[in-house]
Amino acid sequence: MSDNIINNSEIGRREFLKVCGGVAAGLMAAPCSNNISAAGSKKSRRPNILFIFSDDHSNNTISAYGSRVNKTSNIDRIAEEGAIFTNSFCTNSICQPSRASILTGKHSHRNGVTHNGAPWNGQQMVFTRLLEKEGYQTALLGKWHMRPEPTDEFGYWKVLSGYGGQGRYHDPIFSSAKGSETVEGYSTDVITDMAIDWMDNERDPGKPFMLFTQYKSPHVPRRPAVRHLDLFKDVEVPEPPTLYDDYSTRQPYASEAWMHISGLNEEVANIFPPKDSGVPLDQKQAEWLGRLSREDREKYHEAYDEQNAEYYEMKKSGKLDDRDAQTKYFYQRFIKDYLRCVTAVDENVGRLLDYLDEKGLAEDTVVVYSSDQSYYVGEHGWAEKRWMYEESLQMPFVVRWPKVIEPGKKIHKLIQNMDYAPTFLEMAGAEIPEEMQGSSLLPLLSGDPQKVDWRDAIYYHYYQHGAHNVPRHDGVRTYRFKLIHFYTDDTYEMYNLKDDPYEVKNIYGTPENKRIQQTLLKKLQQLRKEYKVPQSDFKAPYVCG
């Protein structure tokens, strides 16, 4: 893989310089500027990079990716004015490992963050420090969700605190090098306020910046902003085709996983006793409602009391005893709150784009929108991630860079979150360390993707055995096929993604697919070796929780 990194980097630099108007080779380490004179006499200016990152945002709820249930105009704008990656995936579909792969450009087994709760080694190589050595200012605002908190990975940081590093939606608590503070407001709005304030008042305008703006939303428990409580209220949101999946052709794990929508607890589904009903709140309900101001608590009651009263009546009468009936009911409750949270994210993406326009920064700023992984929003009857199935293997990735990326570009190459770090380094004109396992996306962005020698498969590895009753597994995905290995009992699943895009027909072991099965098994072994996955990883004590 290191050879590919070097080759892709060189291609990227050549294409980059070509796009920038033929800057002399002596300026190769200093990326182009829209302000370079025709003679190339001015020193080039490196781009700012604004990385906007949410948590658990499903590709299927982004209209640029073909959402059937909502519109995300501002995220779409990034794709329309830049590029969208249609085959973007994570290395390990869970929050902390995904973030670690982004910072290090490595798979989980190489950066040490294999599961949520794994300690983060902040002293290892991270691309943000390398950017700082190149003169960049770096900042992280919002959700960090790793342990411990940052040290010097960023020049400036202020991160959500409490609730296992998740933070809370209303009046969030933030930690920084200066201590802890509670900020009044809705988390997504507050984080955007902080990002704009940092760009306005904290940064040095004479230096390029790398700003991480990272939202908690739409992560569980999905508390909408008060202004969105009635959004979708009278809408019947379309159900996904696999909402009532029976898992009949697969290994038993899918049917035994603890992530079914029918199993959502009342507090997570924003179900609580109506005001003046005489029914006491349970501990969790009382805790989160108690954090709201009196005015906001009244608005929550106004928005939810009628449907909550209906829910308690349906439950009492036995109308929700059947699993399919539960699934149907809870899907509508879940998806509407989820989409309300996504709406706030999209609005705040728009605020950031508008700010760049107003301040004259848009032309010199790379803007990326992504999420730590996609999410099941009813597909297979679930509301979670972790699996190697498409809905949680995916990651949204849209990027805009005026005058470098052709607007409306669609890139179908197989990419992963470990590719982000080398991409950002290449954009800044910095060297890409050979220890990074990802490859810079710059050749795909600035040139013709079809002319770039690129990987033909990706490797995935989920480690957190037992969490939500999901087993450890790894696997390989090509453009058309996927092989999943549940190595705790040495069983497999295989899918033809062209003929079976919803992955409901496991074809592993079928005689007619024997040849491709052998090819995928061989490819899996090859990628394990290429990425230096220790054999001990397949024998290590399993992590539960």
Protein backbone atom coordinates (compact mmCIF):
# COMPACT_ATOMS: atom_id res chain seq x y z
CA MET A 1 0.00 0.00 0.00
CA SER A 2 2.86 2.41 0.69
CA ASP A 3 3.85 2.24 -3.01
CA ASN A 4 0.31 3.21 -3.97
CA ILE A 5 0.40 6.11 -1.54
CA ILE A 6 3.58 7.46 -3.10
CA ASN A 7 2.33 6.98 -6.65
CA ASN A 8 -1.02 8.59 -5.98
CA SER A 9 0.68 11.48 -4.21
CA GLU A 10 2.91 12.20 -7.19
CA ILE A 11 -0.02 12.03 -9.60
CA GLY A 12 -1.94 14.34 -7.30
CA ARG A 13 0.84 16.94 -7.21
CA ARG A 14 1.17 16.96 -10.99
CA GLU A 15 -2.59 17.31 -11.48
CA PHE A 16 -2.73 19.92 -8.73
CA LEU A 17 -0.07 22.07 -10.38
CA LYS A 18 -1.74 21.67 -13.74
CA VAL A 19 -5.05 22.91 -12.33
CA CYS A 20 -3.29 25.84 -10.67
CA GLY A 21 -2.05 27.17 -13.96
CA GLY A 22 1.41 25.73 -14.33
CA VAL A 23 3.13 26.95 -11.19
CA ALA A 24 6.87 26.24 -11.37
CA ALA A 25 8.06 22.90 -10.06
CA GLY A 26 9.97 24.71 -7.36
CA LEU A 27 6.64 25.62 -5.73
CA MET A 28 5.48 22.00 -5.63
CA ALA A 29 5.31 21.99 -1.85
CA ALA A 30 3.13 25.08 -1.79
CA PRO A 31 -0.36 24.46 -3.23
CA CYS A 32 -2.06 26.79 -5.62
CA SER A 33 -3.97 29.93 -4.95
CA ASN A 34 -6.69 31.64 -6.85
CA ASN A 35 -4.57 34.75 -6.29
CA ILE A 36 -1.47 33.59 -8.18
CA SER A 37 -0.54 36.02 -10.95
CA ALA A 38 -0.22 34.88 -14.55
CA ALA A 39 3.55 34.96 -14.24
CA GLY A 40 3.38 32.90 -11.06
CA SER A 41 5.44 35.52 -9.24
CA LYS A 42 3.34 35.63 -6.08
CA LYS A 43 3.90 32.96 -3.50
CA SER A 44 1.04 30.52 -3.63
CA ARG A 45 -1.51 30.40 -0.87
CA ARG A 46 -2.57 27.10 0.62
CA PRO A 47 -6.28 26.42 1.06
CA ASN A 48 -8.15 26.64 4.32
CA ILE A 49 -9.93 23.38 5.16
CA LEU A 50 -13.32 23.29 6.87
CA PHE A 51 -14.23 19.75 7.89
CA ILE A 52 -17.90 19.47 8.92
CA PHE A 53 -18.63 16.18 10.65
CA SER A 54 -21.80 14.76 12.14
CA ASP A 55 -22.50 11.56 14.06
CA ASP A 56 -24.59 8.69 12.67
CA HIS A 57 -25.84 10.57 9.61
CA SER A 58 -27.31 8.08 7.17
CA ASN A 59 -26.53 8.48 3.47
CA ASN A 60 -30.18 7.60 2.92
CA THR A 61 -31.23 10.86 4.58
CA ILE A 62 -29.08 13.09 2.36
CA SER A 63 -30.83 14.13 -0.82
CA ALA A 64 -27.56 14.28 -2.76
CA TYR A 65 -27.39 10.53 -2.12
CA GLY A 66 -30.97 10.02 -3.25
CA SER A 67 -32.95 10.31 -0.02
CA ARG A 68 -36.61 9.37 -0.36
CA VAL A 69 -37.58 10.98 2.93
CA ASN A 70 -36.06 14.48 3.21
CA LYS A 71 -34.18 17.30 1.51
CA THR A 72 -30.73 18.53 2.62
CA SER A 73 -30.23 21.62 0.47
CA ASN A 74 -27.01 22.86 2.06
CA ILE A 75 -25.17 19.54 2.13
CA ASP A 76 -26.34 19.07 -1.45
CA ARG A 77 -24.86 22.46 -2.31
CA ILE A 78 -21.37 21.20 -1.40
CA ALA A 79 -21.86 18.24 -3.75
CA GLU A 80 -23.30 20.39 -6.53
CA GLU A 81 -20.47 22.92 -6.32
CA GLY A 82 -17.84 20.20 -5.85
CA ALA A 83 -17.76 16.41 -5.79
CA ILE A 84 -19.68 13.54 -4.26
CA PHE A 85 -18.14 10.13 -3.58
CA THR A 86 -20.65 7.36 -4.21
CA ASN A 87 -18.52 4.53 -2.80
CA SER A 88 -17.30 6.06 0.46
CA PHE A 89 -16.85 3.68 3.41
CA CYS A 90 -15.47 3.44 6.94
CA THR A 91 -12.84 1.04 8.23
CA ASN A 92 -14.79 0.17 11.40
CA SER A 93 -18.40 1.28 11.82
CA ILE A 94 -18.41 2.78 15.29
CA CYS A 95 -17.81 6.31 16.54
CA GLN A 96 -14.39 6.38 18.19
CA PRO A 97 -12.58 4.06 15.75
CA SER A 98 -13.85 6.08 12.79
CA ARG A 99 -12.53 9.31 14.28
CA ALA A 100 -9.17 7.72 15.03
CA SER A 101 -8.84 6.48 11.43
CA ILE A 102 -9.53 9.99 10.16
CA LEU A 103 -6.82 11.53 12.34
CA THR A 104 -4.16 8.90 11.71
CA GLY A 105 -4.85 7.60 8.20
CA LYS A 106 -4.75 4.05 9.55
CA HIS A 107 -6.94 1.05 10.27
CA SER A 108 -8.06 0.47 13.86
CA HIS A 109 -5.50 -2.21 14.60
CA ARG A 110 -2.72 0.26 13.72
CA ASN A 111 -3.94 3.29 15.66
CA GLY A 112 -5.12 1.30 18.70
CA VAL A 113 -8.75 2.46 18.77
CA THR A 114 -10.52 -0.78 17.92
CA HIS A 115 -13.74 -0.10 19.83
CA ASN A 116 -15.63 2.54 21.77
CA GLY A 117 -13.89 2.94 25.09
CA ALA A 118 -10.47 2.00 23.76
CA PRO A 119 -7.84 4.50 24.94
CA TRP A 120 -6.70 7.11 22.44
CA ASN A 121 -2.94 7.49 22.19
CA GLY A 122 -2.70 11.19 21.45
CA GLN A 123 1.07 11.03 21.08
CA GLN A 124 0.95 8.96 17.91
CA MET A 125 1.29 10.54 14.50
CA VAL A 126 -1.80 12.60 13.59
CA PHE A 127 -2.12 14.68 10.46
CA THR A 128 -3.15 17.86 12.30
CA ARG A 129 0.27 18.17 13.93
CA LEU A 130 1.87 17.75 10.54
CA LEU A 131 -0.31 20.56 9.20
CA GLU A 132 0.78 22.80 12.05
CA LYS A 133 4.39 22.19 11.09
CA GLU A 134 3.44 23.49 7.65
CA GLY A 135 2.13 26.71 9.17
CA TYR A 136 -1.55 25.81 9.53
CA GLN A 137 -3.73 26.77 12.46
CA THR A 138 -5.83 23.85 13.65
CA ALA A 139 -8.96 23.75 15.78
CA LEU A 140 -11.59 21.25 16.91
CA LEU A 141 -15.02 22.41 18.06
CA GLY A 142 -17.81 20.05 19.06
CA LYS A 143 -17.87 16.32 19.48
CA TRP A 144 -14.53 14.63 20.19
CA HIS A 145 -15.80 11.40 21.76
CA MET A 146 -12.45 9.80 22.47
CA ARG A 147 -10.64 9.13 25.71
CA PRO A 148 -8.82 11.10 26.98
CA GLU A 149 -9.59 14.62 25.81
CA PRO A 150 -7.26 16.25 23.27
CA THR A 151 -3.87 17.56 24.33
CA ASP A 152 -1.82 19.09 21.52
CA GLU A 153 -3.46 17.35 18.56
CA PHE A 154 -5.08 20.72 17.82
CA GLY A 155 -3.89 24.24 18.41
CA TYR A 156 -7.31 25.10 19.84
CA TRP A 157 -10.08 22.83 21.05
CA LYS A 158 -13.40 22.98 22.85
CA VAL A 159 -15.29 19.68 22.98
CA LEU A 160 -18.61 18.31 24.20
CA SER A 161 -18.34 16.84 27.67
CA GLY A 162 -20.35 14.40 29.77
CA TYR A 163 -22.56 11.45 28.87
CA GLY A 164 -19.62 9.30 27.86
CA GLY A 165 -18.15 12.08 25.74
CA GLN A 166 -21.41 12.39 23.80
CA GLY A 167 -22.50 15.65 25.33
CA ARG A 168 -26.13 16.68 25.45
CA TYR A 169 -28.44 18.37 22.98
CA HIS A 170 -29.72 21.22 25.14
CA ASP A 171 -27.46 23.62 27.06
CA PRO A 172 -24.39 21.46 26.32
CA ILE A 173 -21.31 21.31 28.52
CA PHE A 174 -17.93 21.91 26.86
CA SER A 175 -14.41 21.14 28.03
CA SER A 176 -11.31 22.97 26.89
CA ALA A 177 -7.75 23.54 28.03
CA LYS A 178 -9.18 26.29 30.25
CA GLY A 179 -11.77 24.11 32.00
CA SER A 180 -15.48 23.38 31.69
CA GLU A 181 -18.47 25.56 30.83
CA THR A 182 -22.17 25.20 30.06
CA VAL A 183 -23.40 27.05 27.00
CA GLU A 184 -27.06 27.91 26.64
CA GLY A 185 -28.71 26.80 23.42
CA TYR A 186 -29.16 23.84 21.09
CA SER A 187 -25.96 21.84 20.61
CA THR A 188 -25.82 21.98 16.80
CA ASP A 189 -26.41 25.73 16.79
CA VAL A 190 -23.93 26.34 19.60
CA ILE A 191 -21.13 24.42 17.86
CA THR A 192 -21.67 26.43 14.68
CA ASP A 193 -21.63 29.67 16.71
CA MET A 194 -18.28 28.61 18.16
CA ALA A 195 -16.88 27.75 14.72
CA ILE A 196 -17.87 31.11 13.30
CA ASP A 197 -16.50 32.91 16.35
CA TRP A 198 -13.19 31.04 16.02
CA MET A 199 -12.87 31.99 12.35
CA ASP A 200 -13.79 35.59 13.19
CA ASN A 201 -11.80 36.19 16.35
CA GLU A 202 -9.37 33.39 17.23
CA ARG A 203 -7.53 32.55 14.04
CA ASP A 204 -4.62 34.41 12.45
CA PRO A 205 -5.92 35.68 9.07
CA GLY A 206 -2.38 35.46 7.72
CA LYS A 207 -2.29 31.67 8.11
CA PRO A 208 -4.33 28.89 6.51
CA PHE A 209 -6.55 26.94 8.88
CA MET A 210 -7.88 23.42 9.40
CA LEU A 211 -11.14 23.63 11.36
CA PHE A 212 -13.04 20.56 12.56
CA THR A 213 -16.69 21.44 13.23
CA GLN A 214 -18.19 18.27 14.69
CA TYR A 215 -21.83 17.79 15.67
CA LYS A 216 -23.39 15.31 18.09
CA SER A 217 -26.52 15.18 15.95
CA PRO A 218 -28.30 13.02 14.81
CA HIS A 219 -26.91 10.54 17.37
CA VAL A 220 -29.23 8.94 19.92
CA PRO A 221 -31.19 10.19 21.87
CA ARG A 222 -32.15 12.44 18.95
CA ARG A 223 -33.57 15.54 20.65
CA PRO A 224 -34.81 17.97 18.00
CA ALA A 225 -34.38 21.71 18.26
CA VAL A 226 -37.52 23.36 19.62
CA ARG A 227 -38.09 25.10 16.27
CA HIS A 228 -38.39 21.71 14.56
CA LEU A 229 -40.67 19.86 16.99
CA ASP A 230 -43.65 19.98 14.61
CA LEU A 231 -41.66 19.23 11.46
CA PHE A 232 -43.02 16.12 9.64
CA LYS A 233 -45.82 15.95 12.25
CA ASP A 234 -48.57 15.19 9.73
CA VAL A 235 -46.36 13.29 7.27
CA GLU A 236 -46.31 9.53 6.80
CA VAL A 237 -42.61 8.94 6.12
CA PRO A 238 -42.02 6.21 3.49
CA GLU A 239 -40.82 2.92 4.95
CA PRO A 240 -37.59 1.36 3.67
CA PRO A 241 -38.03 -1.83 1.62
CA THR A 242 -36.30 -3.99 4.27
CA LEU A 243 -38.08 -2.61 7.36
CA TYR A 244 -39.68 -6.02 7.97
CA ASP A 245 -36.62 -8.09 6.99
CA ASP A 246 -36.83 -11.71 8.20
CA TYR A 247 -33.05 -12.35 7.86
CA SER A 248 -33.90 -15.78 6.45
CA THR A 249 -30.82 -16.45 4.29
CA ARG A 250 -28.19 -15.14 6.70
CA GLN A 251 -26.20 -16.39 9.62
CA PRO A 252 -28.21 -16.12 12.86
CA TYR A 253 -26.46 -12.95 14.03
CA ALA A 254 -28.67 -10.47 12.17
CA SER A 255 -31.86 -11.87 13.69
CA GLU A 256 -30.33 -11.88 17.17
CA ALA A 257 -28.91 -8.33 17.17
CA TRP A 258 -30.24 -5.88 19.77
CA MET A 259 -30.95 -2.91 17.55
CA HIS A 260 -34.46 -3.46 16.28
CA ILE A 261 -36.65 -0.38 16.03
CA SER A 262 -39.42 -2.24 17.82
CA GLY A 263 -37.15 -2.39 20.86
CA LEU A 264 -36.62 1.37 21.25
CA ASN A 265 -37.20 2.44 24.82
CA GLU A 266 -39.62 5.22 25.58
CA GLU A 267 -37.05 7.79 26.66
CA VAL A 268 -35.04 7.36 23.43
CA ALA A 269 -38.25 7.68 21.37
CA ASN A 270 -39.20 10.97 23.12
CA ILE A 271 -42.14 9.25 24.81
CA PHE A 272 -43.06 10.60 28.23
CA PRO A 273 -46.30 10.99 30.21
CA PRO A 274 -48.40 13.93 29.05
CA LYS A 275 -48.53 17.00 31.23
CA ASP A 276 -51.06 16.78 34.10
CA SER A 277 -51.67 13.07 33.34
CA GLY A 278 -50.80 12.13 36.89
CA VAL A 279 -48.31 9.54 35.61
CA PRO A 280 -44.82 10.10 37.07
CA LEU A 281 -41.79 10.42 34.82
CA ASP A 282 -39.21 7.67 35.08
CA GLN A 283 -35.64 8.60 35.99
CA LYS A 284 -34.33 9.11 32.43
CA GLN A 285 -37.40 11.01 31.29
CA ALA A 286 -37.19 13.29 34.33
CA GLU A 287 -33.48 13.83 33.81
CA TRP A 288 -33.61 15.11 30.24
CA LEU A 289 -36.88 17.06 30.55
CA GLY A 290 -35.50 18.63 33.71
CA ARG A 291 -32.58 20.08 31.76
CA LEU A 292 -34.92 22.11 29.56
CA SER A 293 -36.00 25.59 30.42
CA ARG A 294 -39.63 25.88 31.54
CA GLU A 295 -40.52 27.46 28.19
CA ASP A 296 -38.86 24.71 26.13
CA ARG A 297 -40.37 21.99 28.33
CA GLU A 298 -43.80 23.41 27.60
CA LYS A 299 -43.07 23.32 23.87
CA TYR A 300 -42.03 19.68 24.08
CA HIS A 301 -45.29 18.89 25.85
CA GLU A 302 -47.26 20.80 23.23
CA ALA A 303 -45.55 18.88 20.43
CA TYR A 304 -45.59 15.38 21.92
CA ASP A 305 -48.41 15.07 24.48
CA GLU A 306 -51.16 14.14 22.03
CA GLN A 307 -49.16 11.40 20.30
CA ASN A 308 -47.76 10.18 23.62
CA ALA A 309 -51.25 9.87 25.07
CA GLU A 310 -52.20 7.88 21.97
CA TYR A 311 -49.13 5.67 22.45
CA TYR A 312 -50.02 4.81 26.07
CA GLU A 313 -53.57 3.97 25.00
CA MET A 314 -52.34 1.71 22.17
CA LYS A 315 -49.95 0.00 24.54
CA LYS A 316 -52.68 -0.55 27.15
CA SER A 317 -55.13 -1.97 24.59
CA GLY A 318 -52.58 -4.45 23.20
CA LYS A 319 -52.33 -2.85 19.76
CA LEU A 320 -48.53 -2.81 20.05
CA ASP A 321 -48.08 -6.40 21.22
CA ASP A 322 -47.22 -7.67 17.73
CA ARG A 323 -43.61 -7.06 16.63
CA ASP A 324 -44.58 -5.83 13.17
CA ALA A 325 -47.06 -3.40 14.72
CA GLN A 326 -44.33 -2.15 17.06
CA THR A 327 -41.94 -1.77 14.14
CA LYS A 328 -44.47 0.20 12.11
CA TYR A 329 -45.31 2.53 15.00
CA PHE A 330 -41.82 3.11 16.30
CA TYR A 331 -40.40 3.64 12.82
CA GLN A 332 -42.52 6.75 12.38
CA ARG A 333 -41.62 8.05 15.83
CA PHE A 334 -37.91 7.35 15.29
CA ILE A 335 -37.52 8.62 11.73
CA LYS A 336 -39.31 11.92 12.33
CA ASP A 337 -37.10 12.82 15.30
CA TYR A 338 -34.05 11.69 13.34
CA LEU A 339 -34.97 13.87 10.36
CA ARG A 340 -35.67 16.83 12.63
CA CYS A 341 -32.13 16.54 13.97
CA VAL A 342 -30.73 16.22 10.44
CA THR A 343 -32.62 19.36 9.44
CA ALA A 344 -30.77 21.34 12.12
CA VAL A 345 -27.45 19.95 10.89
CA ASP A 346 -28.24 20.96 7.32
CA GLU A 347 -29.30 24.45 8.41
CA ASN A 348 -26.01 24.91 10.22
CA VAL A 349 -24.01 23.66 7.25
CA GLY A 350 -25.75 26.46 5.38
CA ARG A 351 -24.73 28.97 8.04
CA LEU A 352 -21.09 27.96 7.62
CA LEU A 353 -21.25 28.18 3.83
CA ASP A 354 -22.90 31.59 4.05
CA TYR A 355 -20.21 32.78 6.45
CA LEU A 356 -17.46 31.79 4.03
CA ASP A 357 -19.26 33.68 1.26
CA GLU A 358 -19.80 36.79 3.36
CA LYS A 359 -16.17 36.94 4.50
CA GLY A 360 -14.68 36.28 1.09
CA LEU A 361 -13.20 32.96 2.19
CA ALA A 362 -15.14 30.56 -0.03
CA GLU A 363 -12.74 30.61 -3.00
CA ASP A 364 -9.75 29.65 -0.83
CA THR A 365 -11.46 27.12 1.43
CA VAL A 366 -11.94 23.39 0.95
CA VAL A 367 -15.26 22.35 2.52
CA VAL A 368 -15.96 18.72 3.38
CA TYR A 369 -19.11 17.20 4.86
CA SER A 370 -19.01 13.69 6.30
CA SER A 371 -20.15 11.56 9.24
CA ASP A 372 -18.36 8.95 11.33
CA GLN A 373 -20.43 6.30 9.59
CA SER A 374 -23.82 6.01 7.98
CA TYR A 375 -26.72 4.53 9.97
CA TYR A 376 -29.69 2.21 9.73
CA VAL A 377 -32.79 4.38 9.52
CA GLY A 378 -35.15 1.43 9.43
CA GLU A 379 -33.29 -0.73 6.91
CA HIS A 380 -33.38 -4.36 8.08
CA GLY A 381 -35.67 -3.15 10.88
CA TRP A 382 -32.76 -1.47 12.66
CA ALA A 383 -31.64 1.81 14.19
CA GLU A 384 -27.87 1.41 14.70
CA LYS A 385 -24.57 0.77 12.85
CA ARG A 386 -21.59 -1.66 13.42
CA TRP A 387 -22.31 -4.20 10.66
CA MET A 388 -20.51 -4.48 7.35
CA TYR A 389 -23.85 -4.27 5.54
CA GLU A 390 -24.07 -1.24 3.25
CA GLU A 391 -26.09 1.13 5.41
CA SER A 392 -23.49 1.19 8.19
CA LEU A 393 -20.39 0.53 6.08
CA GLN A 394 -21.05 3.70 4.09
CA MET A 395 -19.97 7.23 4.97
CA PRO A 396 -21.22 10.39 3.29
CA PHE A 397 -18.35 12.33 1.71
CA VAL A 398 -18.92 15.49 -0.30
CA VAL A 399 -16.20 18.07 -0.93
CA ARG A 400 -15.98 21.49 -2.55
CA TRP A 401 -12.82 23.27 -3.68
CA PRO A 402 -13.49 26.11 -6.13
CA LYS A 403 -11.35 26.15 -9.29
CA VAL A 404 -9.79 22.79 -8.41
CA ILE A 405 -12.78 20.42 -8.28
CA GLU A 406 -15.13 20.52 -11.24
CA PRO A 407 -18.68 21.27 -9.98
CA GLY A 408 -21.10 18.37 -9.98
CA LYS A 409 -18.37 15.74 -10.14
CA LYS A 410 -19.38 12.19 -9.19
CA ILE A 411 -16.57 9.87 -8.16
CA HIS A 412 -17.26 6.14 -7.95
CA LYS A 413 -13.88 4.91 -6.70
CA LEU A 414 -13.74 2.93 -3.43
CA ILE A 415 -12.56 5.22 -0.64
CA GLN A 416 -12.35 4.96 3.16
CA ASN A 417 -11.97 7.35 6.07
CA MET A 418 -8.28 6.47 6.38
CA ASP A 419 -7.87 8.37 3.07
CA TYR A 420 -8.87 11.72 4.60
CA ALA A 421 -5.59 12.45 6.40
CA PRO A 422 -3.32 11.95 3.38
CA THR A 423 -5.78 13.99 1.30
CA PHE A 424 -5.66 16.97 3.63
CA LEU A 425 -1.87 16.76 3.83
CA GLU A 426 -1.61 16.69 0.05
CA MET A 427 -3.94 19.66 -0.24
CA ALA A 428 -1.61 21.58 2.08
CA GLY A 429 1.48 20.56 0.15
CA ALA A 430 2.79 18.46 3.04
CA GLU A 431 4.52 15.10 2.74
CA ILE A 432 2.42 12.00 3.41
CA PRO A 433 4.08 9.67 5.94
CA GLU A 434 4.64 6.15 4.65
CA GLU A 435 3.06 4.73 7.82
CA MET A 436 -0.34 6.04 6.72
CA GLN A 437 -2.40 3.25 5.17
CA GLY A 438 -4.76 5.51 3.27
CA SER A 439 -4.19 7.20 -0.08
CA SER A 440 -4.69 10.83 -1.03
CA LEU A 441 -7.92 11.51 -2.88
CA LEU A 442 -6.43 14.51 -4.64
CA PRO A 443 -5.78 12.65 -7.93
CA LEU A 444 -9.47 11.73 -8.03
CA LEU A 445 -10.59 15.25 -7.17
CA SER A 446 -8.38 17.26 -9.48
CA GLY A 447 -8.14 14.94 -12.48
CA ASP A 448 -10.00 12.20 -14.31
CA PRO A 449 -10.73 9.42 -11.78
CA GLN A 450 -10.83 6.85 -14.57
CA LYS A 451 -7.16 7.50 -15.33
CA VAL A 452 -6.02 6.99 -11.72
CA ASP A 453 -4.65 3.62 -10.65
CA TRP A 454 -6.78 2.91 -7.59
CA ARG A 455 -7.71 0.10 -5.21
CA ASP A 456 -10.23 -2.47 -6.39
CA ALA A 457 -11.39 -3.52 -2.91
CA ILE A 458 -11.65 -2.26 0.66
CA TYR A 459 -11.01 -4.01 3.97
CA TYR A 460 -13.33 -3.71 6.98
CA HIS A 461 -12.94 -4.92 10.56
CA TYR A 462 -15.42 -4.55 13.46
CA TYR A 463 -14.01 -5.46 16.89
CA GLN A 464 -16.55 -4.65 19.59
CA HIS A 465 -17.86 -8.16 20.12
CA GLY A 466 -21.13 -8.40 22.02
CA ALA A 467 -22.15 -4.75 21.88
CA HIS A 468 -25.77 -4.78 20.69
CA ASN A 469 -25.16 -8.53 20.33
CA VAL A 470 -23.13 -8.00 17.16
CA PRO A 471 -20.15 -10.35 16.70
CA ARG A 472 -16.65 -9.40 15.65
CA HIS A 473 -16.19 -9.71 11.91
CA ASP A 474 -14.07 -8.52 9.03
CA GLY A 475 -14.48 -8.64 5.31
CA VAL A 476 -13.79 -7.38 1.84
CA ARG A 477 -15.93 -5.32 -0.54
CA THR A 478 -15.30 -4.85 -4.24
CA TYR A 479 -17.40 -2.79 -6.62
CA ARG A 480 -19.87 -5.63 -7.05
CA PHE A 481 -19.36 -8.22 -4.32
CA LYS A 482 -19.00 -8.39 -0.57
CA LEU A 483 -17.64 -11.15 1.68
CA ILE A 484 -18.15 -11.00 5.46
CA HIS A 485 -16.28 -13.33 7.82
CA PHE A 486 -17.73 -13.87 11.30
CA TYR A 487 -14.51 -15.33 12.58
CA THR A 488 -15.69 -16.09 16.11
CA ASP A 489 -17.24 -19.26 14.69
CA ASP A 490 -15.68 -19.19 11.19
CA THR A 491 -18.86 -18.54 9.22
CA TYR A 492 -19.37 -16.36 6.14
CA GLU A 493 -21.89 -14.33 4.20
CA MET A 494 -21.51 -13.13 0.62
CA TYR A 495 -23.59 -10.73 -1.47
CA ASN A 496 -23.88 -9.73 -5.11
CA LEU A 497 -24.46 -6.00 -4.66
CA LYS A 498 -25.52 -5.45 -8.25
CA ASP A 499 -28.27 -8.08 -8.21
CA ASP A 500 -29.08 -7.74 -4.50
CA PRO A 501 -28.44 -4.13 -3.40
CA TYR A 502 -30.42 -4.59 -0.18
CA GLU A 503 -28.32 -7.59 0.87
CA VAL A 504 -31.15 -9.98 1.69
CA LYS A 505 -29.82 -13.00 -0.21
CA ASN A 506 -26.67 -14.58 1.19
CA ILE A 507 -25.00 -16.48 -1.67
CA TYR A 508 -22.03 -17.90 0.22
CA GLY A 509 -21.63 -21.59 -0.49
CA THR A 510 -23.80 -21.63 -3.61
CA PRO A 511 -22.23 -23.71 -6.41
CA GLU A 512 -22.81 -21.10 -9.10
CA ASN A 513 -20.79 -18.52 -7.12
CA LYS A 514 -17.87 -20.78 -6.21
CA ARG A 515 -15.35 -18.98 -8.42
CA ILE A 516 -16.07 -15.46 -7.10
CA GLN A 517 -16.21 -16.87 -3.58
CA GLN A 518 -12.67 -18.21 -3.91
CA THR A 519 -11.52 -14.91 -5.39
CA LEU A 520 -12.96 -12.97 -2.45
CA LEU A 521 -11.47 -15.34 0.11
CA LYS A 522 -8.08 -14.87 -1.50
CA LYS A 523 -8.56 -11.10 -1.61
CA LEU A 524 -9.48 -11.03 2.07
CA GLN A 525 -6.24 -12.80 2.97
CA GLN A 526 -4.31 -10.46 0.73
CA LEU A 527 -5.73 -7.33 2.36
CA ARG A 528 -5.14 -8.68 5.87
CA LYS A 529 -1.51 -9.14 4.93
CA GLU A 530 -1.25 -5.80 3.12
CA TYR A 531 -2.66 -3.87 6.07
CA LYS A 532 -0.65 -5.94 8.55
CA VAL A 533 -3.59 -7.22 10.59
CA PRO A 534 -2.08 -9.31 13.42
CA GLN A 535 -3.19 -12.90 13.65
CA SER A 536 -3.66 -12.29 17.35
CA ASP A 537 -6.57 -9.98 16.52
CA PHE A 538 -8.58 -13.02 15.53
CA LYS A 539 -7.84 -14.74 18.84
CA ALA A 540 -7.87 -11.80 21.26
CA PRO A 541 -10.30 -11.63 24.19
CA TYR A 542 -13.55 -10.16 22.97
CA VAL A 543 -14.60 -6.71 24.01
CA CYS A 544 -18.17 -6.41 25.23
CA GLY A 545 -20.18 -3.33 26.07
